Amino acid sequence: SSAASDVYKRQAFTIKKTLLFIFIEKTPFLYATSVRYNAKITFKFKITNTFIFWKLMITSSIVLYKTAKDELNTVVSSVLDSCISFLYLIDNSPNRELESFVAKFDKKRVFYVFNDRNLGYGAGHNIAIREAIRKNACYHIVLNPDIKFKADAVTKICEYMNQNPDVGQVMPKILYSDSNIQ
């Protein structure tokens, strides 16, 4: 209803005063766009009872090359449990062996791109970064396929980045599976 929309708008504006507009879809989400450092940023608000939780649009990418399916499953599960909005799996393998495996993941958040040749690590990530720019993502995270991380790790990194606008890149502490620092 219109009254409900006005309530959500007021709550959204108190969360982030730089919002330019909000529109409501027939989903339990509100979307808003803001401009920060000359970049358009999309926010996603999830409506849960009377609360609105917001998150910045965060994209990520993994370049694959004959990647083991168990490794891929672990890292994609970490991504899907986090606040990352979209994951791009850029496959530089010589065949489409991973495509059917990737099909089991949420198609609204995980996108598979097969290259018919090995473009290399950097060029593979550049495909996803161009898509992140096109989607007006606030942050893009470059991931390796052999990792896992806690669900709140990305949130903490984004909070740090938001509190330190002079920082352009950040790398988290990386641990071996026995918890020793790499």
C-alpha atoms as a PDB file:
ATOM      1  CA  SER A   1       0.000   0.000   0.000  1.00  0.00           C
ATOM      2  CA  SER A   2       1.012   3.618  -0.364  1.00  0.00           C
ATOM      3  CA  ALA A   3       1.107   4.181   3.395  1.00  0.00           C
ATOM      4  CA  ALA A   4       3.411   1.186   3.815  1.00  0.00           C
ATOM      5  CA  SER A   5       5.626   2.510   1.035  1.00  0.00           C
ATOM      6  CA  ASP A   6       5.928   5.863   2.810  1.00  0.00           C
ATOM      7  CA  VAL A   7       6.913   4.147   6.053  1.00  0.00           C
ATOM      8  CA  TYR A   8       9.570   2.107   4.292  1.00  0.00           C
ATOM      9  CA  LYS A   9      10.855   5.194   2.517  1.00  0.00           C
ATOM     10  CA  ARG A  10      11.161   7.135   5.775  1.00  0.00           C
ATOM     11  CA  GLN A  11      12.985   4.240   7.424  1.00  0.00           C
ATOM     12  CA  ALA A  12      15.293   3.861   4.438  1.00  0.00           C
ATOM     13  CA  PHE A  13      16.153   7.545   4.419  1.00  0.00           C
ATOM     14  CA  THR A  14      17.024   7.470   8.101  1.00  0.00           C
ATOM     15  CA  ILE A  15      19.399   4.564   7.422  1.00  0.00           C
ATOM     16  CA  LYS A  16      21.231   6.232   4.546  1.00  0.00           C
ATOM     17  CA  LYS A  17      20.586   9.946   4.032  1.00  0.00           C
ATOM     18  CA  THR A  18      22.258  10.074   0.623  1.00  0.00           C
ATOM     19  CA  LEU A  19      19.659   7.887  -1.096  1.00  0.00           C
ATOM     20  CA  LEU A  20      18.319   9.444  -4.265  1.00  0.00           C
ATOM     21  CA  PHE A  21      15.289   7.251  -4.917  1.00  0.00           C
ATOM     22  CA  ILE A  22      13.605   4.048  -3.868  1.00  0.00           C
ATOM     23  CA  PHE A  23      11.271   1.797  -5.789  1.00  0.00           C
ATOM     24  CA  ILE A  24       9.396  -1.221  -4.553  1.00  0.00           C
ATOM     25  CA  GLU A  25       9.037  -4.447  -6.485  1.00  0.00           C
ATOM     26  CA  LYS A  26       6.673  -7.305  -5.700  1.00  0.00           C
ATOM     27  CA  THR A  27       9.340  -8.896  -3.541  1.00  0.00           C
ATOM     28  CA  PRO A  28      10.262  -8.424   0.102  1.00  0.00           C
ATOM     29  CA  PHE A  29      13.027  -6.043  -0.977  1.00  0.00           C
ATOM     30  CA  LEU A  30      13.406  -2.330  -1.507  1.00  0.00           C
ATOM     31  CA  TYR A  31      16.049  -0.984  -3.836  1.00  0.00           C
ATOM     32  CA  ALA A  32      17.662   2.413  -3.743  1.00  0.00           C
ATOM     33  CA  THR A  33      20.445   4.128  -5.576  1.00  0.00           C
ATOM     34  CA  SER A  34      22.967   6.588  -4.215  1.00  0.00           C
ATOM     35  CA  VAL A  35      25.975   8.399  -5.565  1.00  0.00           C
ATOM     36  CA  ARG A  36      29.259   8.038  -3.662  1.00  0.00           C
ATOM     37  CA  TYR A  37      32.578   9.289  -4.981  1.00  0.00           C
ATOM     38  CA  ASN A  38      31.052   9.804  -8.430  1.00  0.00           C
ATOM     39  CA  ALA A  39      29.988   6.148  -8.593  1.00  0.00           C
ATOM     40  CA  LYS A  40      26.403   4.996  -8.673  1.00  0.00           C
ATOM     41  CA  ILE A  41      25.765   2.524  -5.840  1.00  0.00           C
ATOM     42  CA  THR A  42      22.763   0.240  -5.520  1.00  0.00           C
ATOM     43  CA  PHE A  43      21.482  -0.665  -2.061  1.00  0.00           C
ATOM     44  CA  LYS A  44      19.203  -3.578  -1.331  1.00  0.00           C
ATOM     45  CA  PHE A  45      16.884  -3.411   1.656  1.00  0.00           C
ATOM     46  CA  LYS A  46      15.311  -6.600   2.958  1.00  0.00           C
ATOM     47  CA  ILE A  47      12.034  -6.059   4.746  1.00  0.00           C
ATOM     48  CA  THR A  48      11.664  -8.360   7.738  1.00  0.00           C
ATOM     49  CA  ASN A  49       8.707  -7.580   9.982  1.00  0.00           C
ATOM     50  CA  THR A  50       9.294  -3.912  10.830  1.00  0.00           C
ATOM     51  CA  PHE A  51      13.009  -3.819  10.165  1.00  0.00           C
ATOM     52  CA  ILE A  52      14.831  -2.968   6.970  1.00  0.00           C
ATOM     53  CA  PHE A  53      18.299  -4.430   6.585  1.00  0.00           C
ATOM     54  CA  TRP A  54      20.417  -2.863   3.870  1.00  0.00           C
ATOM     55  CA  LYS A  55      23.444  -3.995   2.038  1.00  0.00           C
ATOM     56  CA  LEU A  56      25.623  -2.565  -0.647  1.00  0.00           C
ATOM     57  CA  MET A  57      25.727  -4.391  -3.933  1.00  0.00           C
ATOM     58  CA  ILE A  58      28.853  -6.513  -3.693  1.00  0.00           C
ATOM     59  CA  THR A  59      29.990  -8.684  -6.558  1.00  0.00           C
ATOM     60  CA  SER A  60      32.724 -11.287  -6.659  1.00  0.00           C
ATOM     61  CA  SER A  61      34.486 -13.456  -9.184  1.00  0.00           C
ATOM     62  CA  ILE A  62      36.410 -16.689  -9.338  1.00  0.00           C
ATOM     63  CA  VAL A  63      38.467 -17.738 -12.342  1.00  0.00           C
ATOM     64  CA  LEU A  64      38.254 -21.470 -12.905  1.00  0.00           C
ATOM     65  CA  TYR A  65      40.637 -23.778 -14.737  1.00  0.00           C
ATOM     66  CA  LYS A  66      39.969 -27.487 -14.305  1.00  0.00           C
ATOM     67  CA  THR A  67      38.871 -26.648 -10.756  1.00  0.00           C
ATOM     68  CA  ALA A  68      38.022 -29.521  -8.413  1.00  0.00           C
ATOM     69  CA  LYS A  69      34.271 -29.667  -7.781  1.00  0.00           C
ATOM     70  CA  ASP A  70      34.632 -30.054  -4.002  1.00  0.00           C
ATOM     71  CA  GLU A  71      36.771 -26.893  -3.841  1.00  0.00           C
ATOM     72  CA  LEU A  72      34.290 -25.033  -5.995  1.00  0.00           C
ATOM     73  CA  ASN A  73      31.375 -26.191  -3.865  1.00  0.00           C
ATOM     74  CA  THR A  74      33.129 -24.963  -0.688  1.00  0.00           C
ATOM     75  CA  VAL A  75      33.905 -21.469  -1.974  1.00  0.00           C
ATOM     76  CA  VAL A  76      30.505 -20.981  -3.636  1.00  0.00           C
ATOM     77  CA  SER A  77      28.808 -22.033  -0.392  1.00  0.00           C
ATOM     78  CA  SER A  78      30.864 -19.418   1.473  1.00  0.00           C
ATOM     79  CA  VAL A  79      29.812 -16.769  -1.046  1.00  0.00           C
ATOM     80  CA  LEU A  80      26.132 -17.690  -0.910  1.00  0.00           C
ATOM     81  CA  ASP A  81      26.167 -17.612   2.906  1.00  0.00           C
ATOM     82  CA  SER A  82      27.675 -14.108   2.870  1.00  0.00           C
ATOM     83  CA  CYS A  83      26.328 -10.698   1.904  1.00  0.00           C
ATOM     84  CA  ILE A  84      27.782 -10.971  -1.611  1.00  0.00           C
ATOM     85  CA  SER A  85      25.062 -10.163  -4.139  1.00  0.00           C
ATOM     86  CA  PHE A  86      26.474 -11.813  -7.265  1.00  0.00           C
ATOM     87  CA  LEU A  87      29.215 -14.323  -8.029  1.00  0.00           C
ATOM     88  CA  TYR A  88      30.735 -14.665 -11.488  1.00  0.00           C
ATOM     89  CA  LEU A  89      32.403 -17.980 -12.243  1.00  0.00           C
ATOM     90  CA  ILE A  90      34.699 -17.385 -15.192  1.00  0.00           C
ATOM     91  CA  ASP A  91      35.703 -20.748 -16.640  1.00  0.00           C
ATOM     92  CA  ASN A  92      38.966 -20.815 -18.604  1.00  0.00           C
ATOM     93  CA  SER A  93      38.970 -24.643 -18.738  1.00  0.00           C
ATOM     94  CA  PRO A  94      39.355 -26.355 -22.118  1.00  0.00           C
ATOM     95  CA  ASN A  95      35.852 -27.902 -21.834  1.00  0.00           C
ATOM     96  CA  ARG A  96      32.474 -27.256 -20.195  1.00  0.00           C
ATOM     97  CA  GLU A  97      32.871 -29.980 -17.575  1.00  0.00           C
ATOM     98  CA  LEU A  98      32.025 -27.622 -14.693  1.00  0.00           C
ATOM     99  CA  GLU A  99      28.937 -26.098 -16.311  1.00  0.00           C
ATOM    100  CA  SER A 100      26.498 -28.819 -15.231  1.00  0.00           C
ATOM    101  CA  PHE A 101      27.958 -28.779 -11.716  1.00  0.00           C
ATOM    102  CA  VAL A 102      27.555 -24.999 -11.445  1.00  0.00           C
ATOM    103  CA  ALA A 103      23.925 -25.270 -12.597  1.00  0.00           C
ATOM    104  CA  LYS A 104      22.887 -26.457  -9.121  1.00  0.00           C
ATOM    105  CA  PHE A 105      23.645 -23.065  -7.557  1.00  0.00           C
ATOM    106  CA  ASP A 106      21.226 -20.139  -7.270  1.00  0.00           C
ATOM    107  CA  LYS A 107      20.968 -18.812 -10.841  1.00  0.00           C
ATOM    108  CA  LYS A 108      19.907 -15.370  -9.585  1.00  0.00           C
ATOM    109  CA  ARG A 109      23.233 -14.928  -7.776  1.00  0.00           C
ATOM    110  CA  VAL A 110      25.731 -17.228  -9.513  1.00  0.00           C
ATOM    111  CA  PHE A 111      26.610 -16.612 -13.149  1.00  0.00           C
ATOM    112  CA  TYR A 112      28.723 -18.992 -15.205  1.00  0.00           C
ATOM    113  CA  VAL A 113      30.810 -17.704 -18.121  1.00  0.00           C
ATOM    114  CA  PHE A 114      32.626 -20.242 -20.262  1.00  0.00           C
ATOM    115  CA  ASN A 115      35.551 -19.057 -22.381  1.00  0.00           C
ATOM    116  CA  ASP A 116      36.530 -21.416 -25.129  1.00  0.00           C
ATOM    117  CA  ARG A 117      40.165 -20.821 -24.242  1.00  0.00           C
ATOM    118  CA  ASN A 118      42.352 -19.922 -21.293  1.00  0.00           C
ATOM    119  CA  LEU A 119      42.339 -16.135 -21.199  1.00  0.00           C
ATOM    120  CA  GLY A 120      44.440 -16.061 -18.028  1.00  0.00           C
ATOM    121  CA  TYR A 121      43.693 -15.135 -14.444  1.00  0.00           C
ATOM    122  CA  GLY A 122      43.598 -11.345 -14.824  1.00  0.00           C
ATOM    123  CA  ALA A 123      41.632 -11.309 -18.071  1.00  0.00           C
ATOM    124  CA  GLY A 124      39.129 -13.729 -16.543  1.00  0.00           C
ATOM    125  CA  HIS A 125      38.532 -11.465 -13.555  1.00  0.00           C
ATOM    126  CA  ASN A 126      38.311  -8.443 -15.851  1.00  0.00           C
ATOM    127  CA  ILE A 127      35.213 -10.004 -17.467  1.00  0.00           C
ATOM    128  CA  ALA A 128      33.499 -10.048 -14.083  1.00  0.00           C
ATOM    129  CA  ILE A 129      34.785  -6.617 -13.063  1.00  0.00           C
ATOM    130  CA  ARG A 130      33.306  -5.088 -16.230  1.00  0.00           C
ATOM    131  CA  GLU A 131      29.968  -6.700 -15.318  1.00  0.00           C
ATOM    132  CA  ALA A 132      30.263  -5.371 -11.744  1.00  0.00           C
ATOM    133  CA  ILE A 133      30.803  -1.866 -13.117  1.00  0.00           C
ATOM    134  CA  ARG A 134      27.800  -2.305 -15.423  1.00  0.00           C
ATOM    135  CA  LYS A 135      25.662  -3.326 -12.416  1.00  0.00           C
ATOM    136  CA  ASN A 136      26.941  -0.329 -10.414  1.00  0.00           C
ATOM    137  CA  ALA A 137      28.369  -2.536  -7.673  1.00  0.00           C
ATOM    138  CA  CYS A 138      29.916  -0.739  -4.748  1.00  0.00           C
ATOM    139  CA  TYR A 139      32.599  -3.378  -4.165  1.00  0.00           C
ATOM    140  CA  HIS A 140      34.030  -6.275  -6.138  1.00  0.00           C
ATOM    141  CA  ILE A 141      35.877  -9.148  -4.484  1.00  0.00           C
ATOM    142  CA  VAL A 142      38.427 -11.261  -6.361  1.00  0.00           C
ATOM    143  CA  LEU A 143      38.401 -14.797  -4.957  1.00  0.00           C
ATOM    144  CA  ASN A 144      40.435 -17.929  -5.512  1.00  0.00           C
ATOM    145  CA  PRO A 145      38.636 -21.264  -5.875  1.00  0.00           C
ATOM    146  CA  ASP A 146      40.511 -22.997  -3.043  1.00  0.00           C
ATOM    147  CA  ILE A 147      39.254 -20.858  -0.154  1.00  0.00           C
ATOM    148  CA  LYS A 148      36.436 -20.648   2.365  1.00  0.00           C
ATOM    149  CA  PHE A 149      35.437 -17.836   4.685  1.00  0.00           C
ATOM    150  CA  LYS A 150      33.022 -17.060   7.482  1.00  0.00           C
ATOM    151  CA  ALA A 151      29.676 -15.532   6.555  1.00  0.00           C
ATOM    152  CA  ASP A 152      30.424 -12.233   8.320  1.00  0.00           C
ATOM    153  CA  ALA A 153      33.915 -11.762   6.852  1.00  0.00           C
ATOM    154  CA  VAL A 154      32.722  -9.765   3.838  1.00  0.00           C
ATOM    155  CA  THR A 155      30.438  -7.630   6.002  1.00  0.00           C
ATOM    156  CA  LYS A 156      33.374  -6.706   8.240  1.00  0.00           C
ATOM    157  CA  ILE A 157      35.533  -5.819   5.244  1.00  0.00           C
ATOM    158  CA  CYS A 158      32.781  -3.638   3.755  1.00  0.00           C
ATOM    159  CA  GLU A 159      32.232  -1.902   7.085  1.00  0.00           C
ATOM    160  CA  TYR A 160      35.950  -1.124   7.202  1.00  0.00           C
ATOM    161  CA  MET A 161      35.903   0.174   3.633  1.00  0.00           C
ATOM    162  CA  ASN A 162      32.862   2.359   4.337  1.00  0.00           C
ATOM    163  CA  GLN A 163      34.519   3.826   7.430  1.00  0.00           C
ATOM    164  CA  ASN A 164      37.786   4.467   5.563  1.00  0.00           C
ATOM    165  CA  PRO A 165      36.892   6.057   2.207  1.00  0.00           C
ATOM    166  CA  ASP A 166      40.568   6.786   1.493  1.00  0.00           C
ATOM    167  CA  VAL A 167      41.261   3.019   1.242  1.00  0.00           C
ATOM    168  CA  GLY A 168      40.957   1.635  -2.299  1.00  0.00           C
ATOM    169  CA  GLN A 169      41.884  -2.016  -1.774  1.00  0.00           C
ATOM    170  CA  VAL A 170      41.946  -4.338   1.193  1.00  0.00           C
ATOM    171  CA  MET A 171      43.055  -7.902   1.810  1.00  0.00           C
ATOM    172  CA  PRO A 172      41.871  -9.932   4.785  1.00  0.00           C
ATOM    173  CA  LYS A 173      44.100 -11.972   7.037  1.00  0.00           C
ATOM    174  CA  ILE A 174      44.597 -15.323   5.304  1.00  0.00           C
ATOM    175  CA  LEU A 175      44.959 -18.462   7.362  1.00  0.00           C
ATOM    176  CA  TYR A 176      45.941 -22.020   6.587  1.00  0.00           C
ATOM    177  CA  SER A 177      43.371 -24.694   7.476  1.00  0.00           C
ATOM    178  CA  ASP A 178      45.235 -25.196  10.809  1.00  0.00           C
ATOM    179  CA  SER A 179      44.597 -21.473  11.628  1.00  0.00           C
ATOM    180  CA  ASN A 180      48.229 -20.386  11.175  1.00  0.00           C
ATOM    181  CA  ILE A 181      48.746 -17.168   9.262  1.00  0.00           C
ATOM    182  CA  GLN A 182      49.891 -17.625   5.687  1.00  0.00           C
END
